[in-house]
C-alpha atoms as a PDB file:
ATOM      1  CA  MET A   1     -49.976  20.015 -33.334  1.00  0.00           C
ATOM      2  CA  ARG A   2     -52.436  18.217 -35.774  1.00  0.00           C
ATOM      3  CA  GLY A   3     -54.524  16.985 -32.188  1.00  0.00           C
ATOM      4  CA  ARG A   4     -53.127  13.466 -32.376  1.00  0.00           C
ATOM      5  CA  ASP A   5     -49.802  11.675 -31.206  1.00  0.00           C
ATOM      6  CA  ASP A   6     -47.034  11.200 -33.473  1.00  0.00           C
ATOM      7  CA  ARG A   7     -43.511   9.956 -32.757  1.00  0.00           C
ATOM      8  CA  LEU A   8     -42.345  12.802 -31.148  1.00  0.00           C
ATOM      9  CA  VAL A   9     -45.528  14.006 -29.639  1.00  0.00           C
ATOM     10  CA  LYS A  10     -48.165  12.872 -26.975  1.00  0.00           C
ATOM     11  CA  VAL A  11     -51.267  15.099 -27.220  1.00  0.00           C
ATOM     12  CA  ALA A  12     -52.976  14.597 -24.399  1.00  0.00           C
ATOM     13  CA  PRO A  13     -50.861  15.943 -21.925  1.00  0.00           C
ATOM     14  CA  VAL A  14     -51.137  19.247 -24.036  1.00  0.00           C
ATOM     15  CA  GLN A  15     -55.246  18.963 -24.155  1.00  0.00           C
ATOM     16  CA  GLU A  16     -55.283  18.446 -20.593  1.00  0.00           C
ATOM     17  CA  ARG A  17     -53.296  21.500 -19.219  1.00  0.00           C
ATOM     18  CA  TYR A  18     -54.052  23.926 -21.722  1.00  0.00           C
ATOM     19  CA  GLY A  19     -57.145  23.206 -23.590  1.00  0.00           C
ATOM     20  CA  PRO A  20     -56.740  23.610 -27.404  1.00  0.00           C
ATOM     21  CA  PHE A  21     -53.583  25.002 -27.587  1.00  0.00           C
ATOM     22  CA  ARG A  22     -54.941  27.423 -31.021  1.00  0.00           C
ATOM     23  CA  ALA A  23     -57.605  28.580 -28.400  1.00  0.00           C
ATOM     24  CA  PHE A  24     -54.315  28.758 -25.164  1.00  0.00           C
ATOM     25  CA  LEU A  25     -52.288  31.497 -28.005  1.00  0.00           C
ATOM     26  CA  ALA A  26     -55.675  33.028 -28.364  1.00  0.00           C
ATOM     27  CA  GLN A  27     -56.027  34.360 -25.412  1.00  0.00           C
ATOM     28  CA  GLU A  28     -53.709  37.146 -25.275  1.00  0.00           C
ATOM     29  CA  SER A  29     -53.885  39.739 -27.251  1.00  0.00           C
ATOM     30  CA  ASP A  30     -50.432  40.675 -26.895  1.00  0.00           C
ATOM     31  CA  GLU A  31     -47.703  38.817 -28.211  1.00  0.00           C
ATOM     32  CA  GLU A  32     -45.409  39.716 -25.621  1.00  0.00           C
ATOM     33  CA  ALA A  33     -47.466  39.406 -22.556  1.00  0.00           C
ATOM     34  CA  LEU A  34     -48.260  35.594 -23.564  1.00  0.00           C
ATOM     35  CA  PHE A  35     -44.622  35.464 -23.605  1.00  0.00           C
ATOM     36  CA  GLU A  36     -43.663  36.965 -20.649  1.00  0.00           C
ATOM     37  CA  LYS A  37     -45.831  34.669 -18.811  1.00  0.00           C
ATOM     38  CA  LEU A  38     -44.641  31.491 -20.603  1.00  0.00           C
ATOM     39  CA  ARG A  39     -41.046  32.564 -19.279  1.00  0.00           C
ATOM     40  CA  ARG A  40     -42.289  34.033 -15.893  1.00  0.00           C
ATOM     41  CA  SER A  41     -43.270  30.678 -15.713  1.00  0.00           C
ATOM     42  CA  GLU A  42     -40.355  28.797 -16.511  1.00  0.00           C
ATOM     43  CA  THR A  43     -38.297  31.160 -14.375  1.00  0.00           C
ATOM     44  CA  THR A  44     -40.290  30.774 -11.224  1.00  0.00           C
ATOM     45  CA  GLY A  45     -40.836  26.453 -11.905  1.00  0.00           C
ATOM     46  CA  ARG A  46     -44.834  27.232 -11.335  1.00  0.00           C
ATOM     47  CA  PRO A  47     -47.157  25.978 -13.418  1.00  0.00           C
ATOM     48  CA  LEU A  48     -48.762  28.436 -16.434  1.00  0.00           C
ATOM     49  CA  GLY A  49     -52.750  27.437 -15.880  1.00  0.00           C
ATOM     50  CA  ASP A  50     -55.640  28.508 -15.349  1.00  0.00           C
ATOM     51  CA  GLU A  51     -57.156  28.590 -11.326  1.00  0.00           C
ATOM     52  CA  ASP A  52     -59.276  25.514 -12.147  1.00  0.00           C
ATOM     53  CA  TRP A  53     -55.966  23.303 -13.213  1.00  0.00           C
ATOM     54  CA  ILE A  54     -53.867  24.857 -10.671  1.00  0.00           C
ATOM     55  CA  GLU A  55     -55.862  23.890  -7.780  1.00  0.00           C
ATOM     56  CA  LYS A  56     -56.529  20.281  -9.627  1.00  0.00           C
ATOM     57  CA  LEU A  57     -52.298  19.782  -9.443  1.00  0.00           C
ATOM     58  CA  GLU A  58     -52.030  21.094  -5.641  1.00  0.00           C
ATOM     59  CA  LYS A  59     -54.738  18.824  -4.217  1.00  0.00           C
ATOM     60  CA  ALA A  60     -53.358  15.579  -6.664  1.00  0.00           C
ATOM     61  CA  THR A  61     -49.161  16.009  -5.431  1.00  0.00           C
ATOM     62  CA  GLY A  62     -50.231  17.997  -1.936  1.00  0.00           C
ATOM     63  CA  ARG A  63     -47.987  20.761  -2.295  1.00  0.00           C
ATOM     64  CA  GLN A  64     -48.459  24.709  -2.645  1.00  0.00           C
ATOM     65  CA  LEU A  65     -48.253  25.667  -6.290  1.00  0.00           C
ATOM     66  CA  LYS A  66     -49.810  28.966  -6.504  1.00  0.00           C
ATOM     67  CA  PRO A  67     -47.833  32.464  -5.587  1.00  0.00           C
ATOM     68  CA  GLN A  68     -47.803  33.628  -1.665  1.00  0.00           C
ATOM     69  CA  LYS A  69     -47.532  36.639  -0.235  1.00  0.00           C
ATOM     70  CA  ARG A  70     -43.935  37.660   0.053  1.00  0.00           C
ATOM     71  CA  GLY A  71     -42.564  38.681   3.017  1.00  0.00           C
ATOM     72  CA  PRO A  72     -41.827  37.243   6.546  1.00  0.00           C
ATOM     73  CA  LYS A  73     -44.336  34.736   7.946  1.00  0.00           C
ATOM     74  CA  LYS A  74     -46.879  35.975  11.008  1.00  0.00           C
ATOM     75  CA  GLN A  75     -45.637  34.166  14.191  1.00  0.00           C
ATOM     76  CA  THR A  76     -48.653  31.905  16.221  1.00  0.00           C
ATOM     77  CA  GLY A  77     -48.275  30.191  19.080  1.00  0.00           C
ATOM     78  CA  LYS A  78     -47.531  31.904  23.194  1.00  0.00           C
ATOM     79  CA  ASP A  79     -44.489  33.459  21.980  1.00  0.00           C
ATOM     80  CA  ASN A  80     -46.324  36.051  20.143  1.00  0.00           C
END
Protein backbone atom coordinates (compact mmCIF):
# COMPACT_ATOMS: atom_id res chain seq x y z
CA MET A 1 0.00 0.00 0.00
CA ARG A 2 1.25 3.39 -0.87
CA GLY A 3 -0.91 5.20 1.64
CA ARG A 4 -3.51 6.38 -0.85
CA ASP A 5 -6.66 5.02 -2.47
CA ASP A 6 -6.57 3.30 -5.82
CA ARG A 7 -9.15 1.41 -7.89
CA LEU A 8 -9.02 -1.63 -5.59
CA VAL A 9 -8.18 -0.27 -2.15
CA LYS A 10 -9.73 2.30 0.17
CA VAL A 11 -6.94 3.21 2.58
CA ALA A 12 -8.92 5.01 5.32
CA PRO A 13 -10.65 1.92 6.83
CA VAL A 14 -7.35 0.04 7.10
CA GLN A 15 -5.51 2.99 8.60
CA GLU A 16 -8.37 3.64 11.02
CA ARG A 17 -8.27 0.06 12.24
CA TYR A 18 -4.51 -0.60 12.29
CA GLY A 19 -2.82 2.76 11.88
CA PRO A 20 0.10 2.60 9.47
CA PHE A 21 0.01 -1.03 8.29
CA ARG A 22 3.80 -1.29 8.18
CA ALA A 23 3.91 -0.37 11.90
CA PHE A 24 1.16 -2.92 12.63
CA LEU A 25 3.20 -5.68 11.00
CA ALA A 26 6.37 -4.54 12.75
CA GLN A 27 4.73 -4.82 16.21
CA GLU A 28 5.21 -8.57 16.28
CA SER A 29 8.82 -9.67 15.96
CA ASP A 30 7.78 -13.33 15.63
CA GLU A 31 6.21 -13.69 12.18
CA GLU A 32 4.54 -16.99 13.09
CA ALA A 33 2.91 -15.40 16.16
CA LEU A 34 1.58 -12.55 14.00
CA PHE A 35 0.03 -14.94 11.50
CA GLU A 36 -1.43 -17.01 14.35
CA LYS A 37 -3.17 -13.89 15.67
CA LEU A 38 -4.54 -13.16 12.21
CA ARG A 39 -5.74 -16.77 11.77
CA ARG A 40 -7.34 -16.82 15.22
CA SER A 41 -9.17 -13.58 14.48
CA GLU A 42 -10.51 -15.02 11.22
CA THR A 43 -11.58 -18.27 12.90
CA THR A 44 -13.36 -16.68 15.85
CA GLY A 45 -14.82 -13.78 13.91
CA ARG A 46 -13.53 -11.41 16.57
CA PRO A 47 -11.85 -8.17 15.52
CA LEU A 48 -8.09 -7.95 15.70
CA GLY A 49 -6.88 -4.69 17.16
CA ASP A 50 -5.78 -3.04 20.37
CA GLU A 51 -8.07 -2.87 23.40
CA ASP A 52 -9.01 0.80 22.91
CA TRP A 53 -10.09 0.19 19.32
CA ILE A 54 -12.16 -2.87 20.29
CA GLU A 55 -13.84 -0.87 23.08
CA LYS A 56 -14.77 1.82 20.53
CA LEU A 57 -16.27 -0.87 18.32
CA GLU A 58 -18.24 -2.29 21.24
CA LYS A 59 -19.70 1.14 22.00
CA ALA A 60 -20.46 1.85 18.34
CA THR A 61 -22.13 -1.51 17.69
CA GLY A 62 -23.67 -2.17 21.10
CA ARG A 63 -22.16 -5.66 20.96
CA GLN A 64 -19.68 -7.41 23.22
CA LEU A 65 -16.62 -8.23 21.11
CA LYS A 66 -13.94 -9.07 23.66
CA PRO A 67 -13.68 -12.74 24.67
CA GLN A 68 -15.56 -13.60 27.86
CA LYS A 69 -14.86 -16.20 30.53
CA ARG A 70 -15.50 -19.75 29.37
CA GLY A 71 -17.80 -22.19 31.07
CA PRO A 72 -21.24 -21.98 32.63
CA LYS A 73 -22.44 -18.53 33.57
CA LYS A 74 -23.09 -17.79 37.22
CA GLN A 75 -26.80 -17.88 38.06
CA THR A 76 -28.32 -14.75 39.59
CA GLY A 77 -31.67 -14.31 41.31
CA LYS A 78 -33.63 -15.92 44.15
CA ASP A 79 -33.47 -19.48 42.81
CA ASN A 80 -29.77 -19.99 43.73
